[in-house]
Amino acid sequence: MPRPIINVDECSACGICVDTCAEGVLDIVGDATTVVNEDACTGCAECMEECPMGAIEEIEED
């Protein structure tokens, strides 16, 4: 199952990905987006597509 990985050096904590994620996988903690509910990720990749900074990638996990 895929899961998002946030590059905190690239993340601007704009919140677009948080608002995009219907599953509540992401949240802003401090000054960056963080994966808070990894198990809920469906792998839709909408967070990656909407991130204006290109700070999100998804990796495949078994």
PDB file of N, CA and C in Angstrom:
ATOM      1  N   MET A   1       0.842  -1.182   0.000  1.00  0.00           N
ATOM      2  CA  MET A   1       0.000   0.000   0.000  1.00  0.00           C
ATOM      3  C   MET A   1       0.889   1.247   0.000  1.00  0.00           C
ATOM      4  N   PRO A   2       0.583   2.221  -0.841  1.00  0.00           N
ATOM      5  CA  PRO A   2       1.402   3.437  -0.870  1.00  0.00           C
ATOM      6  C   PRO A   2       1.190   4.291   0.375  1.00  0.00           C
ATOM      7  N   ARG A   3       2.229   5.078   0.694  1.00  0.00           N
ATOM      8  CA  ARG A   3       2.089   6.030   1.787  1.00  0.00           C
ATOM      9  C   ARG A   3       2.850   7.291   1.428  1.00  0.00           C
ATOM     10  N   PRO A   4       2.357   8.446   1.863  1.00  0.00           N
ATOM     11  CA  PRO A   4       3.018   9.707   1.525  1.00  0.00           C
ATOM     12  C   PRO A   4       4.253   9.948   2.399  1.00  0.00           C
ATOM     13  N   ILE A   5       5.237  10.570   1.794  1.00  0.00           N
ATOM     14  CA  ILE A   5       6.445  11.002   2.478  1.00  0.00           C
ATOM     15  C   ILE A   5       6.565  12.509   2.230  1.00  0.00           C
ATOM     16  N   ILE A   6       6.754  13.271   3.290  1.00  0.00           N
ATOM     17  CA  ILE A   6       6.862  14.721   3.182  1.00  0.00           C
ATOM     18  C   ILE A   6       8.327  15.132   3.261  1.00  0.00           C
ATOM     19  N   ASN A   7       8.787  15.897   2.295  1.00  0.00           N
ATOM     20  CA  ASN A   7      10.116  16.491   2.356  1.00  0.00           C
ATOM     21  C   ASN A   7       9.971  17.807   3.124  1.00  0.00           C
ATOM     22  N   VAL A   8      10.287  17.794   4.406  1.00  0.00           N
ATOM     23  CA  VAL A   8      10.055  18.966   5.260  1.00  0.00           C
ATOM     24  C   VAL A   8      10.918  20.153   4.862  1.00  0.00           C
ATOM     25  N   ASP A   9      12.017  19.910   4.157  1.00  0.00           N
ATOM     26  CA  ASP A   9      12.849  21.015   3.687  1.00  0.00           C
ATOM     27  C   ASP A   9      12.173  21.781   2.553  1.00  0.00           C
ATOM     28  N   GLU A  10      11.288  21.118   1.830  1.00  0.00           N
ATOM     29  CA  GLU A  10      10.570  21.744   0.721  1.00  0.00           C
ATOM     30  C   GLU A  10       9.182  22.241   1.115  1.00  0.00           C
ATOM     31  N   CYS A  11       8.613  21.688   2.189  1.00  0.00           N
ATOM     32  CA  CYS A  11       7.242  22.001   2.606  1.00  0.00           C
ATOM     33  C   CYS A  11       7.144  23.422   3.147  1.00  0.00           C
ATOM     34  N   SER A  12       6.141  24.160   2.672  1.00  0.00           N
ATOM     35  CA  SER A  12       5.902  25.522   3.157  1.00  0.00           C
ATOM     36  C   SER A  12       4.764  25.586   4.168  1.00  0.00           C
ATOM     37  N   ALA A  13       4.188  24.441   4.509  1.00  0.00           N
ATOM     38  CA  ALA A  13       3.066  24.351   5.456  1.00  0.00           C
ATOM     39  C   ALA A  13       1.884  25.209   5.016  1.00  0.00           C
ATOM     40  N   CYS A  14       1.625  25.237   3.718  1.00  0.00           N
ATOM     41  CA  CYS A  14       0.514  26.036   3.188  1.00  0.00           C
ATOM     42  C   CYS A  14      -0.842  25.419   3.506  1.00  0.00           C
ATOM     43  N   GLY A  15      -0.876  24.095   3.722  1.00  0.00           N
ATOM     44  CA  GLY A  15      -2.120  23.417   4.087  1.00  0.00           C
ATOM     45  C   GLY A  15      -2.959  22.921   2.929  1.00  0.00           C
ATOM     46  N   ILE A  16      -2.515  23.148   1.703  1.00  0.00           N
ATOM     47  CA  ILE A  16      -3.301  22.706   0.546  1.00  0.00           C
ATOM     48  C   ILE A  16      -3.472  21.194   0.550  1.00  0.00           C
ATOM     49  N   CYS A  17      -2.419  20.464   0.833  1.00  0.00           N
ATOM     50  CA  CYS A  17      -2.500  18.999   0.848  1.00  0.00           C
ATOM     51  C   CYS A  17      -3.401  18.509   1.979  1.00  0.00           C
ATOM     52  N   VAL A  18      -3.342  19.185   3.111  1.00  0.00           N
ATOM     53  CA  VAL A  18      -4.189  18.823   4.256  1.00  0.00           C
ATOM     54  C   VAL A  18      -5.654  18.982   3.876  1.00  0.00           C
ATOM     55  N   ASP A  19      -5.973  20.088   3.230  1.00  0.00           N
ATOM     56  CA  ASP A  19      -7.352  20.342   2.803  1.00  0.00           C
ATOM     57  C   ASP A  19      -7.789  19.379   1.705  1.00  0.00           C
ATOM     58  N   THR A  20      -6.857  18.937   0.877  1.00  0.00           N
ATOM     59  CA  THR A  20      -7.159  18.039  -0.240  1.00  0.00           C
ATOM     60  C   THR A  20      -7.430  16.617   0.222  1.00  0.00           C
ATOM     61  N   CYS A  21      -6.757  16.189   1.272  1.00  0.00           N
ATOM     62  CA  CYS A  21      -6.850  14.794   1.707  1.00  0.00           C
ATOM     63  C   CYS A  21      -8.185  14.521   2.411  1.00  0.00           C
ATOM     64  N   ALA A  22      -9.020  13.751   1.749  1.00  0.00           N
ATOM     65  CA  ALA A  22     -10.343  13.415   2.298  1.00  0.00           C
ATOM     66  C   ALA A  22     -10.259  12.406   3.432  1.00  0.00           C
ATOM     67  N   GLU A  23      -9.118  11.736   3.541  1.00  0.00           N
ATOM     68  CA  GLU A  23      -8.971  10.681   4.546  1.00  0.00           C
ATOM     69  C   GLU A  23      -8.351  11.169   5.854  1.00  0.00           C
ATOM     70  N   GLY A  24      -7.925  12.429   5.919  1.00  0.00           N
ATOM     71  CA  GLY A  24      -7.333  12.960   7.142  1.00  0.00           C
ATOM     72  C   GLY A  24      -5.959  12.387   7.450  1.00  0.00           C
ATOM     73  N   VAL A  25      -5.207  12.079   6.406  1.00  0.00           N
ATOM     74  CA  VAL A  25      -3.886  11.476   6.579  1.00  0.00           C
ATOM     75  C   VAL A  25      -2.852  12.516   7.013  1.00  0.00           C
ATOM     76  N   LEU A  26      -3.026  13.750   6.580  1.00  0.00           N
ATOM     77  CA  LEU A  26      -2.033  14.795   6.797  1.00  0.00           C
ATOM     78  C   LEU A  26      -2.533  15.881   7.740  1.00  0.00           C
ATOM     79  N   ASP A  27      -1.588  16.519   8.428  1.00  0.00           N
ATOM     80  CA  ASP A  27      -1.899  17.679   9.262  1.00  0.00           C
ATOM     81  C   ASP A  27      -0.639  18.538   9.358  1.00  0.00           C
ATOM     82  N   ILE A  28      -0.817  19.790   9.680  1.00  0.00           N
ATOM     83  CA  ILE A  28       0.331  20.669   9.875  1.00  0.00           C
ATOM     84  C   ILE A  28       0.724  20.618  11.337  1.00  0.00           C
ATOM     85  N   VAL A  29       1.989  20.283  11.561  1.00  0.00           N
ATOM     86  CA  VAL A  29       2.543  20.223  12.907  1.00  0.00           C
ATOM     87  C   VAL A  29       3.787  21.102  12.896  1.00  0.00           C
ATOM     88  N   GLY A  30       3.780  22.118  13.717  1.00  0.00           N
ATOM     89  CA  GLY A  30       4.891  23.059  13.706  1.00  0.00           C
ATOM     90  C   GLY A  30       4.914  23.828  12.404  1.00  0.00           C
ATOM     91  N   ASP A  31       6.014  23.737  11.689  1.00  0.00           N
ATOM     92  CA  ASP A  31       6.132  24.488  10.439  1.00  0.00           C
ATOM     93  C   ASP A  31       6.195  23.597   9.202  1.00  0.00           C
ATOM     94  N   ALA A  32       5.608  22.403   9.302  1.00  0.00           N
ATOM     95  CA  ALA A  32       5.593  21.491   8.154  1.00  0.00           C
ATOM     96  C   ALA A  32       4.409  20.538   8.231  1.00  0.00           C
ATOM     97  N   THR A  33       4.041  20.019   7.101  1.00  0.00           N
ATOM     98  CA  THR A  33       3.003  18.994   7.035  1.00  0.00           C
ATOM     99  C   THR A  33       3.581  17.672   7.524  1.00  0.00           C
ATOM    100  N   THR A  34       2.749  16.922   8.235  1.00  0.00           N
ATOM    101  CA  THR A  34       3.165  15.644   8.803  1.00  0.00           C
ATOM    102  C   THR A  34       2.113  14.590   8.505  1.00  0.00           C
ATOM    103  N   VAL A  35       2.554  13.369   8.300  1.00  0.00           N
ATOM    104  CA  VAL A  35       1.637  12.242   8.135  1.00  0.00           C
ATOM    105  C   VAL A  35       1.176  11.846   9.532  1.00  0.00           C
ATOM    106  N   VAL A  36      -0.128  11.996   9.795  1.00  0.00           N
ATOM    107  CA  VAL A  36      -0.654  11.707  11.131  1.00  0.00           C
ATOM    108  C   VAL A  36      -1.522  10.456  11.175  1.00  0.00           C
ATOM    109  N   ASN A  37      -1.931   9.963  10.010  1.00  0.00           N
ATOM    110  CA  ASN A  37      -2.794   8.780   9.980  1.00  0.00           C
ATOM    111  C   ASN A  37      -2.451   7.947   8.741  1.00  0.00           C
ATOM    112  N   GLU A  38      -1.235   7.428   8.736  1.00  0.00           N
ATOM    113  CA  GLU A  38      -0.694   6.694   7.597  1.00  0.00           C
ATOM    114  C   GLU A  38      -1.593   5.549   7.139  1.00  0.00           C
ATOM    115  N   ASP A  39      -2.206   4.844   8.073  1.00  0.00           N
ATOM    116  CA  ASP A  39      -3.036   3.682   7.743  1.00  0.00           C
ATOM    117  C   ASP A  39      -4.284   4.046   6.942  1.00  0.00           C
ATOM    118  N   ALA A  40      -4.702   5.303   7.001  1.00  0.00           N
ATOM    119  CA  ALA A  40      -5.904   5.725   6.289  1.00  0.00           C
ATOM    120  C   ALA A  40      -5.632   6.096   4.831  1.00  0.00           C
ATOM    121  N   CYS A  41      -4.360   6.181   4.453  1.00  0.00           N
ATOM    122  CA  CYS A  41      -4.010   6.593   3.084  1.00  0.00           C
ATOM    123  C   CYS A  41      -4.513   5.559   2.075  1.00  0.00           C
ATOM    124  N   THR A  42      -5.219   6.047   1.063  1.00  0.00           N
ATOM    125  CA  THR A  42      -5.742   5.177   0.004  1.00  0.00           C
ATOM    126  C   THR A  42      -4.849   5.174  -1.230  1.00  0.00           C
ATOM    127  N   GLY A  43      -3.810   6.005  -1.223  1.00  0.00           N
ATOM    128  CA  GLY A  43      -2.903   6.064  -2.365  1.00  0.00           C
ATOM    129  C   GLY A  43      -3.449   6.829  -3.553  1.00  0.00           C
ATOM    130  N   CYS A  44      -4.398   7.718  -3.328  1.00  0.00           N
ATOM    131  CA  CYS A  44      -5.011   8.453  -4.434  1.00  0.00           C
ATOM    132  C   CYS A  44      -4.057   9.462  -5.081  1.00  0.00           C
ATOM    133  N   ALA A  45      -3.035   9.874  -4.351  1.00  0.00           N
ATOM    134  CA  ALA A  45      -2.001  10.805  -4.834  1.00  0.00           C
ATOM    135  C   ALA A  45      -2.483  12.230  -5.038  1.00  0.00           C
ATOM    136  N   GLU A  46      -3.676  12.567  -4.575  1.00  0.00           N
ATOM    137  CA  GLU A  46      -4.167  13.937  -4.724  1.00  0.00           C
ATOM    138  C   GLU A  46      -3.294  14.931  -3.955  1.00  0.00           C
ATOM    139  N   CYS A  47      -2.772  14.531  -2.808  1.00  0.00           N
ATOM    140  CA  CYS A  47      -1.906  15.430  -2.041  1.00  0.00           C
ATOM    141  C   CYS A  47      -0.656  15.777  -2.845  1.00  0.00           C
ATOM    142  N   MET A  48      -0.079  14.793  -3.515  1.00  0.00           N
ATOM    143  CA  MET A  48       1.106  15.017  -4.351  1.00  0.00           C
ATOM    144  C   MET A  48       0.783  15.954  -5.508  1.00  0.00           C
ATOM    145  N   GLU A  49      -0.334  15.727  -6.140  1.00  0.00           N
ATOM    146  CA  GLU A  49      -0.723  16.527  -7.293  1.00  0.00           C
ATOM    147  C   GLU A  49      -1.008  17.975  -6.913  1.00  0.00           C
ATOM    148  N   GLU A  50      -1.557  18.204  -5.735  1.00  0.00           N
ATOM    149  CA  GLU A  50      -1.945  19.548  -5.325  1.00  0.00           C
ATOM    150  C   GLU A  50      -0.840  20.335  -4.633  1.00  0.00           C
ATOM    151  N   CYS A  51       0.220  19.668  -4.189  1.00  0.00           N
ATOM    152  CA  CYS A  51       1.294  20.354  -3.464  1.00  0.00           C
ATOM    153  C   CYS A  51       2.037  21.312  -4.394  1.00  0.00           C
ATOM    154  N   PRO A  52       1.956  22.624  -4.150  1.00  0.00           N
ATOM    155  CA  PRO A  52       2.634  23.579  -5.028  1.00  0.00           C
ATOM    156  C   PRO A  52       4.158  23.553  -4.897  1.00  0.00           C
ATOM    157  N   MET A  53       4.655  22.973  -3.816  1.00  0.00           N
ATOM    158  CA  MET A  53       6.096  22.921  -3.584  1.00  0.00           C
ATOM    159  C   MET A  53       6.724  21.604  -4.075  1.00  0.00           C
ATOM    160  N   GLY A  54       5.894  20.640  -4.453  1.00  0.00           N
ATOM    161  CA  GLY A  54       6.408  19.340  -4.869  1.00  0.00           C
ATOM    162  C   GLY A  54       7.085  18.604  -3.726  1.00  0.00           C
ATOM    163  N   ALA A  55       6.578  18.823  -2.520  1.00  0.00           N
ATOM    164  CA  ALA A  55       7.223  18.291  -1.313  1.00  0.00           C
ATOM    165  C   ALA A  55       6.716  16.924  -0.885  1.00  0.00           C
ATOM    166  N   ILE A  56       5.806  16.339  -1.656  1.00  0.00           N
ATOM    167  CA  ILE A  56       5.221  15.055  -1.267  1.00  0.00           C
ATOM    168  C   ILE A  56       5.506  14.013  -2.340  1.00  0.00           C
ATOM    169  N   GLU A  57       5.931  12.864  -1.906  1.00  0.00           N
ATOM    170  CA  GLU A  57       6.042  11.712  -2.796  1.00  0.00           C
ATOM    171  C   GLU A  57       5.396  10.540  -2.093  1.00  0.00           C
ATOM    172  N   GLU A  58       5.056   9.538  -2.850  1.00  0.00           N
ATOM    173  CA  GLU A  58       4.485   8.333  -2.250  1.00  0.00           C
ATOM    174  C   GLU A  58       5.424   7.180  -2.512  1.00  0.00           C
ATOM    175  N   ILE A  59       5.587   6.361  -1.487  1.00  0.00           N
ATOM    176  CA  ILE A  59       6.378   5.146  -1.646  1.00  0.00           C
ATOM    177  C   ILE A  59       5.448   3.959  -1.455  1.00  0.00           C
ATOM    178  N   GLU A  60       5.787   2.902  -2.108  1.00  0.00           N
ATOM    179  CA  GLU A  60       4.985   1.660  -2.025  1.00  0.00           C
ATOM    180  C   GLU A  60       5.514   0.820  -0.887  1.00  0.00           C
ATOM    181  N   GLU A  61       4.615   0.390  -0.016  1.00  0.00           N
ATOM    182  CA  GLU A  61       4.964  -0.517   1.066  1.00  0.00           C
ATOM    183  C   GLU A  61       4.109  -1.751   0.987  1.00  0.00           C
ATOM    184  N   ASP A  62       4.662  -2.868   1.374  1.00  0.00           N
ATOM    185  CA  ASP A  62       3.898  -4.121   1.379  1.00  0.00           C
ATOM    186  C   ASP A  62       3.161  -4.277   2.676  1.00  0.00           C
TER     187      ASP A  62
END
